[in-house]
N, C-alpha and C. Protein backbone atom coordinates (compact mmCIF):
# COMPACT_ATOMS: atom_id res chain seq x y z
N UNK A 1 118.11 99.44 61.35
CA UNK A 1 118.28 100.33 60.24
C UNK A 1 117.07 101.27 60.18
N UNK A 2 117.31 102.56 60.23
CA UNK A 2 116.23 103.54 60.22
C UNK A 2 115.68 103.70 58.81
N UNK A 3 114.39 103.69 58.68
CA UNK A 3 113.74 103.94 57.40
C UNK A 3 113.18 105.35 57.35
N UNK A 4 112.91 105.92 58.52
CA UNK A 4 112.49 107.32 58.61
C UNK A 4 113.23 107.92 59.79
N UNK A 5 113.29 109.24 59.84
CA UNK A 5 113.97 109.90 60.94
C UNK A 5 113.23 109.65 62.24
N UNK A 6 114.01 109.48 63.28
CA UNK A 6 113.43 109.29 64.61
C UNK A 6 113.77 110.51 65.45
N UNK A 7 112.84 110.94 66.25
CA UNK A 7 113.06 112.04 67.16
C UNK A 7 113.51 111.55 68.52
N UNK A 8 113.75 110.25 68.63
CA UNK A 8 114.16 109.66 69.89
C UNK A 8 115.66 109.85 70.08
N UNK A 9 116.11 109.86 71.30
CA UNK A 9 117.53 109.87 71.62
C UNK A 9 118.06 108.48 71.32
N UNK A 10 119.00 108.33 70.36
CA UNK A 10 119.48 107.00 70.02
C UNK A 10 120.16 106.29 71.17
N UNK A 11 120.64 107.03 72.17
CA UNK A 11 121.27 106.42 73.33
C UNK A 11 120.24 105.85 74.29
N UNK A 12 119.02 106.27 74.15
CA UNK A 12 117.97 105.87 75.09
C UNK A 12 117.41 104.49 74.78
N UNK A 13 117.73 103.93 73.60
CA UNK A 13 117.16 102.63 73.22
C UNK A 13 115.77 102.81 72.67
N UNK A 14 115.10 101.70 72.43
CA UNK A 14 113.77 101.75 71.85
C UNK A 14 112.74 102.17 72.90
N UNK A 15 111.75 102.96 72.48
CA UNK A 15 110.67 103.28 73.40
C UNK A 15 109.95 102.01 73.83
N UNK A 16 109.43 102.01 75.04
CA UNK A 16 108.75 100.83 75.58
C UNK A 16 107.51 100.47 74.77
N UNK A 17 106.90 101.44 74.10
CA UNK A 17 105.67 101.18 73.38
C UNK A 17 105.89 100.94 71.88
N UNK A 18 107.10 100.60 71.47
CA UNK A 18 107.38 100.32 70.07
C UNK A 18 106.51 99.16 69.58
N UNK A 19 105.97 99.32 68.39
CA UNK A 19 105.12 98.30 67.77
C UNK A 19 105.98 97.50 66.81
N UNK A 20 105.96 96.18 66.95
CA UNK A 20 106.67 95.34 66.00
C UNK A 20 105.67 94.75 65.03
N UNK A 21 105.94 94.93 63.75
CA UNK A 21 105.08 94.39 62.70
C UNK A 21 105.73 93.11 62.19
N UNK A 22 104.99 92.02 62.25
CA UNK A 22 105.49 90.71 61.82
C UNK A 22 105.48 90.61 60.30
N UNK A 23 106.34 89.75 59.78
CA UNK A 23 106.39 89.53 58.34
C UNK A 23 105.17 88.71 57.90
N UNK A 24 104.46 89.18 56.88
CA UNK A 24 103.30 88.43 56.40
C UNK A 24 103.64 87.26 55.49
N UNK A 25 104.92 87.12 55.14
CA UNK A 25 105.34 85.98 54.34
C UNK A 25 106.83 85.73 54.55
N UNK A 26 107.26 84.53 54.20
CA UNK A 26 108.67 84.16 54.35
C UNK A 26 109.44 84.53 53.10
N UNK A 27 110.72 84.88 53.30
CA UNK A 27 111.57 85.17 52.16
C UNK A 27 112.75 86.04 52.54
N UNK A 28 113.41 86.57 51.54
CA UNK A 28 114.57 87.41 51.73
C UNK A 28 114.14 88.87 51.77
N UNK A 29 114.58 89.59 52.82
CA UNK A 29 114.25 91.00 52.97
C UNK A 29 115.06 91.82 51.97
N UNK A 30 114.37 92.70 51.26
CA UNK A 30 114.96 93.59 50.26
C UNK A 30 114.75 95.03 50.73
N UNK A 31 115.82 95.83 50.85
CA UNK A 31 115.62 97.24 51.23
C UNK A 31 114.69 97.95 50.25
N UNK A 32 113.92 98.88 50.76
CA UNK A 32 112.94 99.61 49.96
C UNK A 32 113.59 100.20 48.70
N UNK A 33 114.76 100.79 48.83
CA UNK A 33 115.43 101.45 47.70
C UNK A 33 115.79 100.47 46.58
N UNK A 34 115.83 99.17 46.88
CA UNK A 34 116.19 98.17 45.88
C UNK A 34 114.99 97.49 45.23
N UNK A 35 113.79 97.89 45.60
CA UNK A 35 112.58 97.32 44.98
C UNK A 35 112.52 97.84 43.55
N UNK A 36 112.35 96.94 42.57
CA UNK A 36 112.39 97.35 41.16
C UNK A 36 111.09 98.02 40.68
N UNK A 37 110.63 99.01 41.42
CA UNK A 37 109.46 99.79 41.07
C UNK A 37 109.63 101.17 41.70
N UNK A 38 109.69 102.20 40.88
CA UNK A 38 109.96 103.56 41.36
C UNK A 38 108.96 104.07 42.38
N UNK A 39 107.70 103.70 42.25
CA UNK A 39 106.69 104.17 43.21
C UNK A 39 106.98 103.64 44.61
N UNK A 40 107.40 102.38 44.68
CA UNK A 40 107.74 101.79 45.97
C UNK A 40 109.12 102.22 46.44
N UNK A 41 110.13 102.12 45.57
CA UNK A 41 111.51 102.39 45.99
C UNK A 41 111.70 103.84 46.42
N UNK A 42 110.91 104.75 45.91
CA UNK A 42 111.01 106.16 46.30
C UNK A 42 110.34 106.44 47.64
N UNK A 43 109.58 105.49 48.14
CA UNK A 43 108.82 105.71 49.37
C UNK A 43 107.48 106.38 49.10
N UNK A 44 107.14 106.55 47.84
CA UNK A 44 105.89 107.21 47.47
C UNK A 44 104.65 106.46 47.93
N UNK A 45 104.78 105.16 48.17
CA UNK A 45 103.65 104.36 48.63
C UNK A 45 103.85 103.90 50.08
N UNK A 46 104.69 104.64 50.81
CA UNK A 46 104.94 104.34 52.20
C UNK A 46 106.36 103.82 52.41
N UNK A 47 106.75 103.77 53.67
CA UNK A 47 108.07 103.25 54.02
C UNK A 47 107.94 101.79 54.42
N UNK A 48 108.99 101.03 54.15
CA UNK A 48 108.95 99.62 54.50
C UNK A 48 110.08 98.88 53.83
N UNK A 49 109.78 97.66 53.41
CA UNK A 49 110.75 96.77 52.78
C UNK A 49 110.04 95.94 51.72
N UNK A 50 110.83 95.18 51.00
CA UNK A 50 110.29 94.17 50.11
C UNK A 50 110.68 92.80 50.62
N UNK A 51 109.96 91.81 50.20
CA UNK A 51 110.29 90.42 50.51
C UNK A 51 110.33 89.66 49.18
N UNK A 52 111.47 89.00 48.90
CA UNK A 52 111.55 88.08 47.77
C UNK A 52 111.04 86.75 48.33
N UNK A 53 109.81 86.36 48.02
CA UNK A 53 109.14 85.29 48.76
C UNK A 53 109.69 83.88 48.51
N UNK A 54 109.69 83.12 49.60
CA UNK A 54 109.95 81.69 49.53
C UNK A 54 108.69 80.91 49.89
N UNK A 55 107.64 81.64 50.25
CA UNK A 55 106.35 81.01 50.54
C UNK A 55 105.32 81.53 49.55
N UNK A 56 104.18 80.90 49.50
CA UNK A 56 103.12 81.27 48.55
C UNK A 56 101.89 81.85 49.24
N UNK A 57 102.02 82.10 50.53
CA UNK A 57 100.86 82.56 51.30
C UNK A 57 101.21 83.83 52.05
N UNK A 58 100.34 84.82 51.94
CA UNK A 58 100.44 86.07 52.70
C UNK A 58 99.44 85.98 53.83
N UNK A 59 99.90 86.21 55.06
CA UNK A 59 99.00 86.16 56.22
C UNK A 59 98.95 87.52 56.89
N UNK A 60 97.93 87.71 57.69
CA UNK A 60 97.81 88.94 58.48
C UNK A 60 98.93 88.95 59.52
N UNK A 61 99.71 90.04 59.56
CA UNK A 61 100.79 90.12 60.53
C UNK A 61 100.30 90.31 61.96
N UNK A 62 99.07 90.74 62.11
CA UNK A 62 98.46 90.97 63.42
C UNK A 62 96.96 91.12 63.21
N UNK A 63 96.22 91.25 64.29
CA UNK A 63 94.78 91.48 64.19
C UNK A 63 94.54 92.85 63.56
N UNK A 64 93.50 92.96 62.76
CA UNK A 64 93.18 94.24 62.14
C UNK A 64 92.01 94.15 61.19
N UNK A 65 91.84 95.22 60.41
CA UNK A 65 90.74 95.33 59.46
C UNK A 65 91.29 95.45 58.05
N UNK A 66 90.63 94.80 57.11
CA UNK A 66 91.00 94.91 55.70
C UNK A 66 90.42 96.22 55.17
N UNK A 67 91.32 97.14 54.79
CA UNK A 67 90.88 98.42 54.23
C UNK A 67 90.66 98.31 52.73
N UNK A 68 91.45 97.44 52.09
CA UNK A 68 91.40 97.30 50.64
C UNK A 68 91.80 95.87 50.28
N UNK A 69 90.99 95.23 49.46
CA UNK A 69 91.34 93.92 48.92
C UNK A 69 91.22 94.04 47.40
N UNK A 70 92.38 94.08 46.73
CA UNK A 70 92.37 94.22 45.27
C UNK A 70 91.60 93.07 44.65
N UNK A 71 90.64 93.35 43.76
CA UNK A 71 89.86 92.28 43.13
C UNK A 71 90.73 91.31 42.33
N UNK A 72 91.89 91.78 41.88
CA UNK A 72 92.81 90.91 41.14
C UNK A 72 93.61 90.01 42.07
N UNK A 73 93.48 90.19 43.38
CA UNK A 73 94.11 89.33 44.36
C UNK A 73 95.58 89.60 44.62
N UNK A 74 96.16 90.60 43.99
CA UNK A 74 97.60 90.82 44.11
C UNK A 74 98.00 91.70 45.29
N UNK A 75 97.03 92.24 46.00
CA UNK A 75 97.39 93.11 47.11
C UNK A 75 96.27 93.31 48.10
N UNK A 76 96.67 93.80 49.27
CA UNK A 76 95.71 94.05 50.34
C UNK A 76 96.23 95.21 51.19
N UNK A 77 95.30 96.02 51.66
CA UNK A 77 95.62 97.09 52.60
C UNK A 77 94.98 96.76 53.93
N UNK A 78 95.73 96.95 55.01
CA UNK A 78 95.24 96.62 56.35
C UNK A 78 95.42 97.79 57.30
N UNK A 79 94.53 97.89 58.28
CA UNK A 79 94.74 98.74 59.44
C UNK A 79 94.80 97.80 60.63
N UNK A 80 96.01 97.64 61.16
CA UNK A 80 96.18 96.76 62.31
C UNK A 80 95.57 97.40 63.54
N UNK A 81 95.20 96.59 64.52
CA UNK A 81 94.60 97.12 65.74
C UNK A 81 95.53 98.09 66.45
N UNK A 82 96.83 98.01 66.18
CA UNK A 82 97.82 98.93 66.75
C UNK A 82 97.74 100.32 66.12
N UNK A 83 97.01 100.45 65.00
CA UNK A 83 96.92 101.73 64.29
C UNK A 83 97.81 101.80 63.07
N UNK A 84 98.71 100.85 62.90
CA UNK A 84 99.60 100.81 61.75
C UNK A 84 98.79 100.39 60.52
N UNK A 85 98.94 101.16 59.43
CA UNK A 85 98.29 100.82 58.17
C UNK A 85 99.34 100.30 57.20
N UNK A 86 99.07 99.14 56.62
CA UNK A 86 100.02 98.46 55.74
C UNK A 86 99.44 98.26 54.35
N UNK A 87 100.33 98.32 53.37
CA UNK A 87 100.01 97.87 52.02
C UNK A 87 100.92 96.69 51.74
N UNK A 88 100.33 95.56 51.37
CA UNK A 88 101.08 94.37 50.99
C UNK A 88 100.75 94.12 49.53
N UNK A 89 101.76 94.25 48.66
CA UNK A 89 101.56 94.18 47.21
C UNK A 89 102.39 93.03 46.65
N UNK A 90 101.76 91.92 46.31
CA UNK A 90 102.49 90.75 45.86
C UNK A 90 103.00 90.96 44.43
N UNK A 91 104.31 91.07 44.31
CA UNK A 91 104.95 91.22 43.01
C UNK A 91 104.95 92.66 42.51
N UNK A 92 105.71 92.85 41.45
CA UNK A 92 105.85 94.16 40.81
C UNK A 92 105.08 94.15 39.50
N UNK A 93 104.19 95.12 39.34
CA UNK A 93 103.34 95.26 38.15
C UNK A 93 102.41 94.07 37.94
N UNK A 94 102.16 93.31 38.98
CA UNK A 94 101.33 92.11 38.86
C UNK A 94 99.85 92.41 38.65
N UNK A 95 99.46 93.67 38.77
CA UNK A 95 98.08 94.03 38.42
C UNK A 95 97.81 93.64 36.97
N UNK A 96 98.87 93.66 36.15
CA UNK A 96 98.74 93.31 34.74
C UNK A 96 98.43 91.84 34.50
N UNK A 97 98.53 91.02 35.54
CA UNK A 97 98.20 89.59 35.41
C UNK A 97 96.69 89.37 35.50
N UNK A 98 95.94 90.41 35.84
CA UNK A 98 94.48 90.39 35.89
C UNK A 98 93.94 89.24 36.74
N UNK A 99 94.64 88.96 37.86
CA UNK A 99 94.16 87.96 38.81
C UNK A 99 94.68 86.56 38.58
N UNK A 100 95.30 86.29 37.44
CA UNK A 100 95.80 84.94 37.17
C UNK A 100 96.95 84.63 38.13
N UNK A 101 96.82 83.54 38.87
CA UNK A 101 97.86 83.13 39.81
C UNK A 101 97.66 83.66 41.22
N UNK A 102 96.56 84.37 41.46
CA UNK A 102 96.29 84.95 42.78
C UNK A 102 94.92 84.54 43.29
N UNK A 103 94.82 84.29 44.58
CA UNK A 103 93.54 84.04 45.23
C UNK A 103 93.49 84.92 46.47
N UNK A 104 92.53 85.82 46.50
CA UNK A 104 92.33 86.69 47.67
C UNK A 104 91.37 85.96 48.60
N UNK A 105 91.70 85.92 49.88
CA UNK A 105 90.91 85.14 50.84
C UNK A 105 90.11 86.02 51.79
N UNK A 106 90.16 87.35 51.61
CA UNK A 106 89.47 88.27 52.50
C UNK A 106 88.76 89.34 51.68
N UNK A 107 87.88 90.08 52.35
CA UNK A 107 87.13 91.14 51.69
C UNK A 107 87.29 92.44 52.47
N UNK A 108 87.13 93.55 51.75
CA UNK A 108 87.18 94.87 52.39
C UNK A 108 86.20 94.91 53.56
N UNK A 109 86.66 95.47 54.67
CA UNK A 109 85.82 95.61 55.85
C UNK A 109 85.89 94.43 56.81
N UNK A 110 86.48 93.34 56.38
CA UNK A 110 86.58 92.14 57.21
C UNK A 110 87.62 92.34 58.31
N UNK A 111 87.31 91.83 59.50
CA UNK A 111 88.30 91.81 60.58
C UNK A 111 89.09 90.52 60.44
N UNK A 112 90.43 90.65 60.53
CA UNK A 112 91.30 89.48 60.39
C UNK A 112 92.10 89.28 61.67
N UNK A 113 92.53 88.06 61.88
CA UNK A 113 93.35 87.70 63.04
C UNK A 113 94.77 87.42 62.59
N UNK A 114 95.71 87.64 63.49
CA UNK A 114 97.11 87.36 63.20
C UNK A 114 97.25 85.93 62.67
N UNK A 115 97.97 85.78 61.56
CA UNK A 115 98.20 84.47 60.97
C UNK A 115 97.14 84.02 59.98
N UNK A 116 96.05 84.77 59.87
CA UNK A 116 94.97 84.41 58.94
C UNK A 116 95.44 84.62 57.50
N UNK A 117 95.14 83.67 56.62
CA UNK A 117 95.51 83.79 55.21
C UNK A 117 94.78 84.96 54.56
N UNK A 118 95.55 85.81 53.87
CA UNK A 118 94.99 86.94 53.13
C UNK A 118 95.00 86.66 51.63
N UNK A 119 96.15 86.16 51.14
CA UNK A 119 96.36 85.92 49.71
C UNK A 119 97.19 84.66 49.54
N UNK A 120 96.86 83.87 48.54
CA UNK A 120 97.77 82.83 48.08
C UNK A 120 98.12 83.17 46.64
N UNK A 121 99.34 82.81 46.24
CA UNK A 121 99.79 83.17 44.90
C UNK A 121 100.72 82.11 44.35
N UNK A 122 100.88 82.13 43.03
CA UNK A 122 101.73 81.18 42.32
C UNK A 122 102.96 81.93 41.82
N UNK A 123 104.08 81.73 42.51
CA UNK A 123 105.32 82.43 42.16
C UNK A 123 105.74 82.10 40.73
N UNK A 124 105.59 80.83 40.32
CA UNK A 124 105.98 80.45 38.96
C UNK A 124 105.14 81.17 37.91
N UNK A 125 103.86 81.38 38.20
CA UNK A 125 103.00 82.12 37.27
C UNK A 125 103.45 83.58 37.16
N UNK A 126 103.86 84.17 38.29
CA UNK A 126 104.33 85.56 38.29
C UNK A 126 105.59 85.67 37.43
N UNK A 127 106.57 84.82 37.71
CA UNK A 127 107.83 84.85 36.96
C UNK A 127 107.59 84.49 35.49
N UNK A 128 106.75 83.50 35.25
CA UNK A 128 106.43 83.09 33.88
C UNK A 128 105.77 84.18 33.07
N UNK A 129 105.05 85.07 33.73
CA UNK A 129 104.40 86.18 33.04
C UNK A 129 105.36 87.37 32.86
N UNK A 130 106.60 87.19 33.35
CA UNK A 130 107.60 88.24 33.15
C UNK A 130 107.67 89.28 34.25
N UNK A 131 107.12 88.98 35.42
CA UNK A 131 107.10 89.93 36.52
C UNK A 131 107.96 89.45 37.68
N UNK A 132 108.36 90.39 38.53
CA UNK A 132 109.13 90.06 39.72
C UNK A 132 108.17 89.70 40.86
N UNK A 133 108.48 88.64 41.62
CA UNK A 133 107.63 88.29 42.76
C UNK A 133 107.93 89.11 44.02
N UNK A 134 108.93 90.01 43.96
CA UNK A 134 109.27 90.81 45.14
C UNK A 134 108.01 91.52 45.63
N UNK A 135 107.74 91.36 46.92
CA UNK A 135 106.50 91.85 47.53
C UNK A 135 106.79 93.02 48.45
N UNK A 136 106.46 94.25 48.03
CA UNK A 136 106.62 95.40 48.91
C UNK A 136 105.63 95.34 50.07
N UNK A 137 106.12 95.68 51.26
CA UNK A 137 105.29 95.78 52.45
C UNK A 137 105.59 97.16 53.02
N UNK A 138 104.62 98.06 52.91
CA UNK A 138 104.87 99.44 53.32
C UNK A 138 103.85 99.92 54.34
N UNK A 139 104.32 100.80 55.20
CA UNK A 139 103.46 101.46 56.17
C UNK A 139 103.01 102.75 55.52
N UNK A 140 101.71 102.85 55.27
CA UNK A 140 101.18 103.96 54.49
C UNK A 140 100.79 105.17 55.34
N UNK A 141 100.74 105.00 56.64
CA UNK A 141 100.41 106.13 57.52
C UNK A 141 101.60 106.48 58.41
N UNK A 142 102.81 106.40 57.87
CA UNK A 142 104.03 106.62 58.64
C UNK A 142 104.10 108.01 59.26
N UNK A 143 103.40 108.98 58.72
CA UNK A 143 103.43 110.33 59.29
C UNK A 143 102.82 110.37 60.69
N UNK A 144 102.04 109.37 61.05
CA UNK A 144 101.44 109.32 62.38
C UNK A 144 102.39 108.77 63.43
N UNK A 145 103.60 108.41 63.01
CA UNK A 145 104.56 107.78 63.92
C UNK A 145 105.85 108.59 63.95
N UNK A 146 106.62 108.41 65.02
CA UNK A 146 107.90 109.08 65.16
C UNK A 146 108.90 108.50 64.17
N UNK A 147 108.85 107.20 63.96
CA UNK A 147 109.79 106.57 63.05
C UNK A 147 109.43 105.14 62.77
N UNK A 148 110.03 104.63 61.69
CA UNK A 148 109.85 103.25 61.28
C UNK A 148 111.25 102.69 61.04
N UNK A 149 111.53 101.52 61.59
CA UNK A 149 112.82 100.87 61.41
C UNK A 149 112.64 99.47 60.87
N UNK A 150 113.59 99.06 60.05
CA UNK A 150 113.64 97.69 59.57
C UNK A 150 114.12 96.82 60.72
N UNK A 151 113.38 95.78 61.05
CA UNK A 151 113.73 94.90 62.18
C UNK A 151 114.39 93.62 61.73
N UNK A 152 114.35 93.32 60.43
CA UNK A 152 114.91 92.06 59.93
C UNK A 152 115.77 92.33 58.71
N UNK A 153 116.75 91.47 58.52
CA UNK A 153 117.59 91.51 57.33
C UNK A 153 117.85 90.06 56.93
N UNK A 154 118.22 89.86 55.69
CA UNK A 154 118.45 88.49 55.22
C UNK A 154 117.13 87.74 55.12
N UNK A 155 117.15 86.48 55.49
CA UNK A 155 115.94 85.66 55.44
C UNK A 155 115.05 85.95 56.65
N UNK A 156 113.76 86.02 56.41
CA UNK A 156 112.79 86.21 57.48
C UNK A 156 111.70 85.15 57.33
N UNK A 157 111.26 84.62 58.45
CA UNK A 157 110.17 83.64 58.45
C UNK A 157 108.85 84.38 58.62
N UNK A 158 107.81 83.78 58.12
CA UNK A 158 106.47 84.33 58.32
C UNK A 158 106.23 84.45 59.82
N UNK A 159 105.79 85.62 60.27
CA UNK A 159 105.48 85.84 61.68
C UNK A 159 106.64 86.43 62.47
N UNK A 160 107.84 86.43 61.94
CA UNK A 160 108.99 87.06 62.62
C UNK A 160 108.90 88.57 62.48
N UNK A 161 109.52 89.29 63.40
CA UNK A 161 109.53 90.75 63.34
C UNK A 161 110.15 91.26 62.07
N UNK A 162 109.47 92.15 61.37
CA UNK A 162 109.92 92.71 60.10
C UNK A 162 110.21 94.21 60.21
N UNK A 163 109.28 94.93 60.84
CA UNK A 163 109.40 96.38 60.99
C UNK A 163 109.10 96.76 62.44
N UNK A 164 109.74 97.83 62.91
CA UNK A 164 109.44 98.41 64.22
C UNK A 164 108.93 99.83 64.00
N UNK A 165 107.84 100.15 64.65
CA UNK A 165 107.21 101.45 64.51
C UNK A 165 107.15 102.12 65.87
N UNK A 166 107.63 103.35 65.94
CA UNK A 166 107.64 104.09 67.20
C UNK A 166 106.49 105.10 67.20
N UNK A 167 105.48 104.87 68.04
CA UNK A 167 104.34 105.79 68.10
C UNK A 167 104.74 107.15 68.69
N UNK A 168 103.98 108.16 68.34
CA UNK A 168 104.18 109.48 68.94
C UNK A 168 103.74 109.42 70.40
N UNK A 169 104.42 110.18 71.23
CA UNK A 169 104.09 110.19 72.68
C UNK A 169 102.77 110.86 72.93
């Protein structure tokens, strides 16, 4: 499923250098347009998907650098070694929880390895506070790529392919 326009010939198949971004948490994949937050659903914060989580841990989808670690623990921005920049935002409007139910395990500027814990969170605390646990995962530098495609639908396990990114030639 295309999330942005691709300049590739659809008959040619995927480019050999396509980057696959792994899912940082397990859960049900939610199309971007169905995320209950206008900033995310409009694509204003990048293209991607949401995950309705079944796990409580967000891990690094690949090796990279932490660009932003929200002090409230509800989100993290990464630049993967592939050049893909991601925003992982646990829950909708969860900044209003002021850190309750979240533990951030990394700091800005830190290099992380694939599978390394970034955030742990309490889904019951999120729901109990009246917020949705749906976690948007967006590529914030999509303009640097030819296209971004959703690689998973339905349930996805942590570490499984979530998004495919086609670099410019």
